[in-house]
């Protein structure tokens, strides 16, 4: 059974990858590394149970020496077979320095050390948002890219550095808009806003939109896809760098939760955002107080990037054609969005109110 080293194992993708590997008995041993600690990560019981069956290390991944220490073998393991770097900055609207340190510096440190250790395969999480605004056909792995947003600029630069690392068997994974359990920064703010609107009985009319199609992907498919790619790469004796998108075939505009800009001028969009935030935050605090929730990472606050980022339609079929991967969640359905809310309710992190 292959061994696995997972950086960023407490982030959204990382914790779901850990859970997937443990529950399906796919890798052993598993070492999980993160800058945070499990006690402050708002883990679900399922993720906590999975993490308990791994070795956990807290480390500063911006420090090359700390990264090198994380690669030191575990008892019975001479080297790490699969190395997954899920460590990233998931929040929108951060300054360039945050993205430089938490995306590019961490990614290159992990990739450089993986090359020194001759790992069998190194997988770097990226984002489908690096592609330019193209909807027909959807953006494949060779589509033109854009750097107009700081977050995507540093993802793209990191991708290039990882793919060019000498001696590294690298796969860059670019998911479209990831939703599902542990999501905080993509669909969840809009779901929280929806909950606020229903709680107050407000009726908001959304103008007609002509924006390009955009894609999403369930976090379980991202986790399964990353393991599938690692296994495919090693079992079929692949070599050299690879890039794979992971994306379903849904048009996420249908659900009105994935940063769908309205047909308004940018100034109107920013005014709309400010108005929604001013309306929703006090009500959300009222709801939290009503249900006696004193600490939660969930918020209906909408970042500027939700409205300014170019929508991207991502083609996630190359991984199917070339590696035989099968999506468990090929279409976005409301029940899968509700799953995220139900998990937060069970953790007492979301007011028990109807979506």
Protein backbone atom coordinates (compact mmCIF):
# COMPACT_ATOMS: atom_id res chain seq x y z
CA UNK A 1 0.00 0.00 0.00
CA UNK A 2 1.44 3.42 -0.93
CA UNK A 3 2.40 5.91 1.77
CA UNK A 4 1.01 9.44 1.60
CA UNK A 5 2.21 12.82 2.82
CA UNK A 6 -0.47 15.51 2.74
CA UNK A 7 0.34 19.20 3.15
CA UNK A 8 -2.61 21.44 4.01
CA UNK A 9 -4.50 18.50 5.44
CA UNK A 10 -6.91 20.68 7.43
CA UNK A 11 -8.10 22.85 4.54
CA UNK A 12 -11.28 22.04 2.64
CA UNK A 13 -9.73 19.75 0.00
CA UNK A 14 -7.06 18.42 2.35
CA UNK A 15 -9.38 17.20 5.10
CA UNK A 16 -11.69 15.56 2.59
CA UNK A 17 -8.70 13.88 0.91
CA UNK A 18 -7.52 12.55 4.29
CA UNK A 19 -11.01 11.22 5.01
CA UNK A 20 -11.27 9.60 1.58
CA UNK A 21 -7.91 7.84 1.88
CA UNK A 22 -8.53 6.61 5.42
CA UNK A 23 -12.12 5.45 4.98
CA UNK A 24 -11.27 3.55 1.81
CA UNK A 25 -7.98 2.18 3.17
CA UNK A 26 -6.06 3.49 0.16
CA UNK A 27 -2.78 4.66 1.72
CA UNK A 28 -0.72 3.79 4.78
CA UNK A 29 0.88 5.35 6.62
CA UNK A 30 -0.50 8.84 6.13
CA UNK A 31 1.21 11.92 7.51
CA UNK A 32 -0.86 15.12 7.60
CA UNK A 33 0.79 18.54 7.85
CA UNK A 34 -0.87 21.92 8.34
CA UNK A 35 -0.07 25.36 9.71
CA UNK A 36 -3.16 25.08 11.96
CA UNK A 37 -4.05 22.47 14.56
CA UNK A 38 -7.10 20.15 14.50
CA UNK A 39 -8.54 21.66 17.68
CA UNK A 40 -9.14 25.01 15.96
CA UNK A 41 -10.06 23.73 12.49
CA UNK A 42 -13.82 23.16 13.01
CA UNK A 43 -13.51 19.54 11.87
CA UNK A 44 -16.62 17.44 11.45
CA UNK A 45 -16.73 14.23 13.48
CA UNK A 46 -16.13 12.23 10.33
CA UNK A 47 -12.99 14.17 9.44
CA UNK A 48 -11.76 14.11 13.04
CA UNK A 49 -12.16 10.33 13.18
CA UNK A 50 -10.17 9.95 9.96
CA UNK A 51 -7.45 12.34 11.09
CA UNK A 52 -7.06 10.35 14.32
CA UNK A 53 -5.82 7.41 12.23
CA UNK A 54 -2.98 9.46 10.73
CA UNK A 55 0.18 11.14 12.01
CA UNK A 56 -0.34 14.89 12.33
CA UNK A 57 2.37 17.56 12.29
CA UNK A 58 2.02 21.31 12.65
CA UNK A 59 4.60 23.15 10.56
CA UNK A 60 5.48 26.48 9.00
CA UNK A 61 5.56 25.53 5.32
CA UNK A 62 7.04 28.89 4.36
CA UNK A 63 10.28 27.68 5.95
CA UNK A 64 12.23 25.22 3.73
CA UNK A 65 13.82 23.59 6.79
CA UNK A 66 10.39 22.91 8.29
CA UNK A 67 9.22 21.40 5.01
CA UNK A 68 12.31 19.20 4.86
CA UNK A 69 11.60 17.93 8.39
CA UNK A 70 8.09 16.95 7.32
CA UNK A 71 9.56 14.61 4.69
CA UNK A 72 11.59 12.66 7.22
CA UNK A 73 10.43 9.02 7.11
CA UNK A 74 7.91 7.50 9.49
CA UNK A 75 8.63 4.15 11.20
CA UNK A 76 8.55 1.48 8.52
CA UNK A 77 8.57 4.00 5.67
CA UNK A 78 11.80 4.72 3.81
CA UNK A 79 10.20 7.26 1.46
CA UNK A 80 6.86 8.86 0.66
CA UNK A 81 5.11 7.50 -2.43
CA UNK A 82 2.34 10.07 -2.90
CA UNK A 83 2.82 13.69 -1.83
CA UNK A 84 -0.23 15.96 -2.04
CA UNK A 85 0.11 19.70 -1.55
CA UNK A 86 -3.35 20.96 -0.66
CA UNK A 87 -1.96 23.88 1.31
CA UNK A 88 -3.18 27.14 -0.15
CA UNK A 89 -4.97 30.37 0.75
CA UNK A 90 -8.69 29.74 0.32
CA UNK A 91 -9.88 33.20 1.33
CA UNK A 92 -10.72 35.78 -1.31
CA UNK A 93 -9.72 39.42 -1.15
CA UNK A 94 -6.31 39.03 0.52
CA UNK A 95 -3.29 41.22 -0.24
CA UNK A 96 -0.62 40.00 -2.65
CA UNK A 97 1.84 39.14 0.13
CA UNK A 98 -0.58 36.63 1.66
CA UNK A 99 -1.04 34.81 -1.64
CA UNK A 100 2.68 34.94 -2.41
CA UNK A 101 3.57 33.31 0.90
CA UNK A 102 0.70 30.84 1.31
CA UNK A 103 0.41 29.72 -2.31
CA UNK A 104 3.68 30.25 -4.17
CA UNK A 105 6.24 30.03 -1.37
CA UNK A 106 4.60 26.99 0.21
CA UNK A 107 4.07 25.29 -3.15
CA UNK A 108 7.64 25.76 -4.34
CA UNK A 109 9.10 24.71 -0.99
CA UNK A 110 7.10 21.48 -1.03
CA UNK A 111 7.88 20.79 -4.70
CA UNK A 112 11.61 21.41 -4.30
CA UNK A 113 11.86 19.08 -1.32
CA UNK A 114 9.76 16.43 -3.07
CA UNK A 115 12.20 16.52 -5.98
CA UNK A 116 15.15 16.07 -3.63
CA UNK A 117 13.44 13.07 -2.04
CA UNK A 118 12.61 11.46 -5.41
CA UNK A 119 8.95 10.93 -4.49
CA UNK A 120 6.97 8.84 -6.93
CA UNK A 121 4.46 11.60 -7.65
CA UNK A 122 3.77 15.11 -6.36
CA UNK A 123 0.29 16.63 -6.76
CA UNK A 124 -0.21 20.38 -6.47
CA UNK A 125 -3.70 21.80 -5.94
CA UNK A 126 -4.41 24.85 -8.09
CA UNK A 127 -7.59 26.40 -9.46
CA UNK A 128 -9.55 26.50 -12.70
CA UNK A 129 -9.88 30.24 -12.18
CA UNK A 130 -6.49 30.68 -13.86
CA UNK A 131 -8.19 30.38 -17.24
CA UNK A 132 -9.48 33.32 -19.24
CA UNK A 133 -13.20 33.95 -19.57
CA UNK A 134 -14.17 31.39 -22.19
CA UNK A 135 -17.43 29.43 -22.18
CA UNK A 136 -17.77 27.81 -25.58
CA UNK A 137 -16.00 25.48 -25.69
CA UNK A 138 -15.15 25.18 -21.97
CA UNK A 139 -11.53 25.76 -20.97
CA UNK A 140 -9.31 22.74 -21.31
CA UNK A 141 -5.86 22.37 -19.81
CA UNK A 142 -4.21 24.29 -22.66
CA UNK A 143 -6.66 27.23 -22.69
CA UNK A 144 -5.32 30.79 -22.35
CA UNK A 145 -4.75 31.94 -18.78
CA UNK A 146 -5.22 35.23 -16.93
CA UNK A 147 -3.46 36.97 -14.05
CA UNK A 148 -5.79 39.89 -13.37
CA UNK A 149 -6.69 38.58 -9.89
CA UNK A 150 -3.93 38.28 -7.28
CA UNK A 151 -5.08 34.87 -6.07
CA UNK A 152 -5.08 33.32 -9.53
CA UNK A 153 -1.86 35.09 -10.51
CA UNK A 154 0.04 33.36 -7.72
CA UNK A 155 -1.64 30.03 -8.42
CA UNK A 156 -0.53 30.25 -12.05
CA UNK A 157 3.04 31.23 -11.16
CA UNK A 158 3.18 28.38 -8.66
CA UNK A 159 1.87 25.93 -11.25
CA UNK A 160 4.62 26.94 -13.65
CA UNK A 161 7.35 26.65 -11.02
CA UNK A 162 6.11 23.23 -9.89
CA UNK A 163 5.89 21.91 -13.45
CA UNK A 164 9.40 23.16 -14.19
CA UNK A 165 11.02 21.73 -11.03
CA UNK A 166 13.90 19.51 -12.24
CA UNK A 167 13.47 15.83 -11.46
CA UNK A 168 9.95 16.17 -10.09
CA UNK A 169 7.11 13.88 -11.17
CA UNK A 170 4.47 16.58 -10.90
CA UNK A 171 0.72 16.79 -11.51
CA UNK A 172 -1.04 20.14 -11.20
CA UNK A 173 -4.74 19.72 -10.40
CA UNK A 174 -7.06 22.57 -11.37
CA UNK A 175 -10.58 22.18 -9.95
CA UNK A 176 -13.42 24.47 -10.92
CA UNK A 177 -15.51 26.06 -8.13
CA UNK A 178 -15.34 23.51 -5.32
CA UNK A 179 -18.41 22.98 -3.14
CA UNK A 180 -19.36 20.47 -0.47
CA UNK A 181 -18.53 19.76 3.19
CA UNK A 182 -16.08 22.22 4.79
CA UNK A 183 -16.64 24.89 2.13
CA UNK A 184 -16.42 28.37 3.61
CA UNK A 185 -15.47 30.67 0.76
CA UNK A 186 -17.32 29.58 -2.38
CA UNK A 187 -20.97 28.56 -2.23
CA UNK A 188 -21.37 28.82 1.54
CA UNK A 189 -21.57 32.63 1.88
CA UNK A 190 -24.38 32.62 -0.68
CA UNK A 191 -26.12 29.76 1.11
CA UNK A 192 -25.84 31.73 4.36
CA UNK A 193 -27.24 34.78 2.58
CA UNK A 194 -30.13 32.64 1.32
CA UNK A 195 -30.76 31.50 4.89
CA UNK A 196 -30.85 35.12 6.05
CA UNK A 197 -33.30 36.07 3.31
CA UNK A 198 -35.65 33.24 4.22
CA UNK A 199 -35.35 33.97 7.92
CA UNK A 200 -36.46 37.57 7.36
CA UNK A 201 -38.98 36.74 4.66
CA UNK A 202 -37.38 39.13 2.21
CA UNK A 203 -38.05 38.95 -1.51
CA UNK A 204 -35.13 39.95 -3.71
CA UNK A 205 -35.47 40.03 -7.49
CA UNK A 206 -32.36 39.09 -9.46
CA UNK A 207 -32.07 40.76 -12.86
CA UNK A 208 -31.61 38.56 -15.89
CA UNK A 209 -28.02 37.46 -16.45
CA UNK A 210 -26.29 36.71 -19.74
CA UNK A 211 -22.99 35.71 -18.18
CA UNK A 212 -21.01 32.78 -19.55
CA UNK A 213 -21.53 29.31 -18.19
CA UNK A 214 -19.48 28.40 -15.14
CA UNK A 215 -18.61 25.03 -13.68
CA UNK A 216 -18.39 23.54 -10.21
CA UNK A 217 -17.11 20.30 -8.69
CA UNK A 218 -17.90 18.42 -5.49
CA UNK A 219 -15.00 18.25 -3.05
CA UNK A 220 -15.41 14.46 -2.85
CA UNK A 221 -14.65 14.26 -6.57
CA UNK A 222 -11.60 16.46 -6.10
CA UNK A 223 -10.33 14.18 -3.33
CA UNK A 224 -11.05 11.02 -5.31
CA UNK A 225 -9.56 12.55 -8.44
CA UNK A 226 -6.29 13.45 -6.74
CA UNK A 227 -5.81 9.93 -5.42
CA UNK A 228 -6.85 8.47 -8.77
CA UNK A 229 -4.25 10.58 -10.59
CA UNK A 230 -1.51 9.57 -8.16
CA UNK A 231 -2.34 5.89 -8.56
CA UNK A 232 -2.66 6.19 -12.37
CA UNK A 233 0.63 8.06 -12.70
CA UNK A 234 2.62 5.49 -10.72
CA UNK A 235 0.88 2.30 -11.87
CA UNK A 236 1.20 3.17 -15.56
CA UNK A 237 4.81 4.35 -15.27
CA UNK A 238 4.12 7.92 -16.36
CA UNK A 239 6.89 10.49 -16.35
CA UNK A 240 7.14 14.23 -16.71
CA UNK A 241 4.74 16.97 -15.63
CA UNK A 242 0.97 16.82 -16.17
CA UNK A 243 -1.96 19.21 -15.76
CA UNK A 244 -5.52 17.99 -15.18
CA UNK A 245 -8.74 19.89 -14.60
CA UNK A 246 -11.37 18.40 -12.30
CA UNK A 247 -14.79 19.82 -13.07
CA UNK A 248 -18.36 18.62 -13.45
CA UNK A 249 -20.63 19.39 -16.39
CA UNK A 250 -23.09 21.59 -14.53
CA UNK A 251 -23.93 25.21 -15.22
CA UNK A 252 -23.68 26.52 -11.67
CA UNK A 253 -25.48 29.76 -12.56
CA UNK A 254 -28.70 27.79 -12.27
CA UNK A 255 -28.43 27.83 -8.49
CA UNK A 256 -27.50 31.47 -8.11
CA UNK A 257 -24.81 30.74 -5.53
CA UNK A 258 -21.51 30.81 -7.38
CA UNK A 259 -20.53 34.46 -7.65
CA UNK A 260 -22.91 35.12 -10.50
CA UNK A 261 -22.53 38.81 -11.40
CA UNK A 262 -25.73 40.51 -12.47
CA UNK A 263 -26.12 42.53 -15.63
CA UNK A 264 -25.14 45.80 -14.05
CA UNK A 265 -22.20 48.22 -14.23
CA UNK A 266 -19.27 47.34 -11.96
CA UNK A 267 -20.06 50.33 -9.73
CA UNK A 268 -23.60 49.00 -9.33
CA UNK A 269 -22.24 45.54 -8.53
CA UNK A 270 -20.07 46.90 -5.76
CA UNK A 271 -22.98 48.93 -4.41
CA UNK A 272 -25.14 45.81 -4.49
CA UNK A 273 -22.45 43.86 -2.62
CA UNK A 274 -22.17 46.52 0.06
CA UNK A 275 -25.92 46.69 0.48
CA UNK A 276 -26.24 42.91 0.80
CA UNK A 277 -23.46 42.81 3.38
CA UNK A 278 -24.99 45.66 5.38
CA UNK A 279 -28.36 43.92 5.34
CA UNK A 280 -27.24 40.37 6.04
CA UNK A 281 -24.50 40.58 8.68
CA UNK A 282 -26.66 42.01 11.51
CA UNK A 283 -29.38 39.45 10.77
CA UNK A 284 -26.85 36.62 10.72
CA UNK A 285 -25.59 37.70 14.15
CA UNK A 286 -29.19 37.77 15.35
CA UNK A 287 -29.71 34.22 14.06
CA UNK A 288 -26.52 32.99 15.73
CA UNK A 289 -27.62 34.50 19.04
CA UNK A 290 -31.07 32.94 18.74
CA UNK A 291 -29.54 29.48 18.29
CA UNK A 292 -26.84 30.11 20.91
CA UNK A 293 -23.93 29.77 18.48
CA UNK A 294 -20.97 31.65 19.91
CA UNK A 295 -18.19 30.77 17.47
CA UNK A 296 -18.47 29.86 13.81
CA UNK A 297 -16.32 30.37 10.70
CA UNK A 298 -19.45 30.68 8.52
CA UNK A 299 -20.60 34.08 7.32
CA UNK A 300 -22.85 35.54 4.58
CA UNK A 301 -20.25 38.25 3.93
CA UNK A 302 -19.59 38.60 0.19
CA UNK A 303 -16.06 39.43 -0.89
CA UNK A 304 -15.48 41.81 -3.81
CA UNK A 305 -13.95 39.02 -5.89
CA UNK A 306 -17.30 37.20 -5.96
CA UNK A 307 -18.50 39.96 -8.26
CA UNK A 308 -15.32 41.05 -10.04
CA UNK A 309 -13.75 37.68 -10.91
CA UNK A 310 -14.27 36.50 -14.49
CA UNK A 311 -16.59 33.49 -14.69
CA UNK A 312 -14.79 30.43 -16.03
CA UNK A 313 -16.21 27.42 -17.75
CA UNK A 314 -13.85 24.49 -17.12
CA UNK A 315 -13.65 21.26 -19.12
CA UNK A 316 -12.99 18.38 -16.74
CA UNK A 317 -13.13 15.51 -19.23
CA UNK A 318 -9.45 14.97 -20.00
CA UNK A 319 -9.02 13.09 -16.72
CA UNK A 320 -11.87 10.80 -17.83
CA UNK A 321 -10.50 10.20 -21.33
CA UNK A 322 -6.86 9.66 -20.41
CA UNK A 323 -7.01 8.03 -16.98
CA UNK A 324 -10.45 6.43 -16.69
CA UNK A 325 -11.63 8.58 -13.78
CA UNK A 326 -15.37 8.58 -13.06
CA UNK A 327 -17.17 11.47 -11.39
CA UNK A 328 -19.47 10.53 -8.52
CA UNK A 329 -21.14 13.94 -8.73
CA UNK A 330 -21.32 14.78 -12.46
CA UNK A 331 -24.12 17.31 -11.92
CA UNK A 332 -24.72 19.90 -9.24
CA UNK A 333 -28.01 19.26 -7.44
CA UNK A 334 -29.59 21.15 -4.56
CA UNK A 335 -29.31 18.18 -2.20
CA UNK A 336 -25.51 18.34 -2.44
CA UNK A 337 -25.53 22.01 -1.50
CA UNK A 338 -27.82 21.26 1.43
CA UNK A 339 -25.34 18.63 2.58
CA UNK A 340 -22.87 21.37 3.44
CA UNK A 341 -25.46 23.21 5.53
CA UNK A 342 -26.57 20.04 7.32
CA UNK A 343 -23.00 19.28 8.32
CA UNK A 344 -22.52 22.76 9.76
CA UNK A 345 -25.84 22.48 11.60
CA UNK A 346 -24.71 19.18 13.12
CA UNK A 347 -21.52 20.89 14.31
CA UNK A 348 -23.55 23.74 15.80
CA UNK A 349 -21.85 26.19 13.45
CA UNK A 350 -24.96 27.20 11.49
CA UNK A 351 -28.28 28.47 12.85
CA UNK A 352 -30.88 25.77 12.34
CA UNK A 353 -32.88 27.72 9.81
CA UNK A 354 -34.28 26.74 6.43
CA UNK A 355 -32.14 27.45 3.38
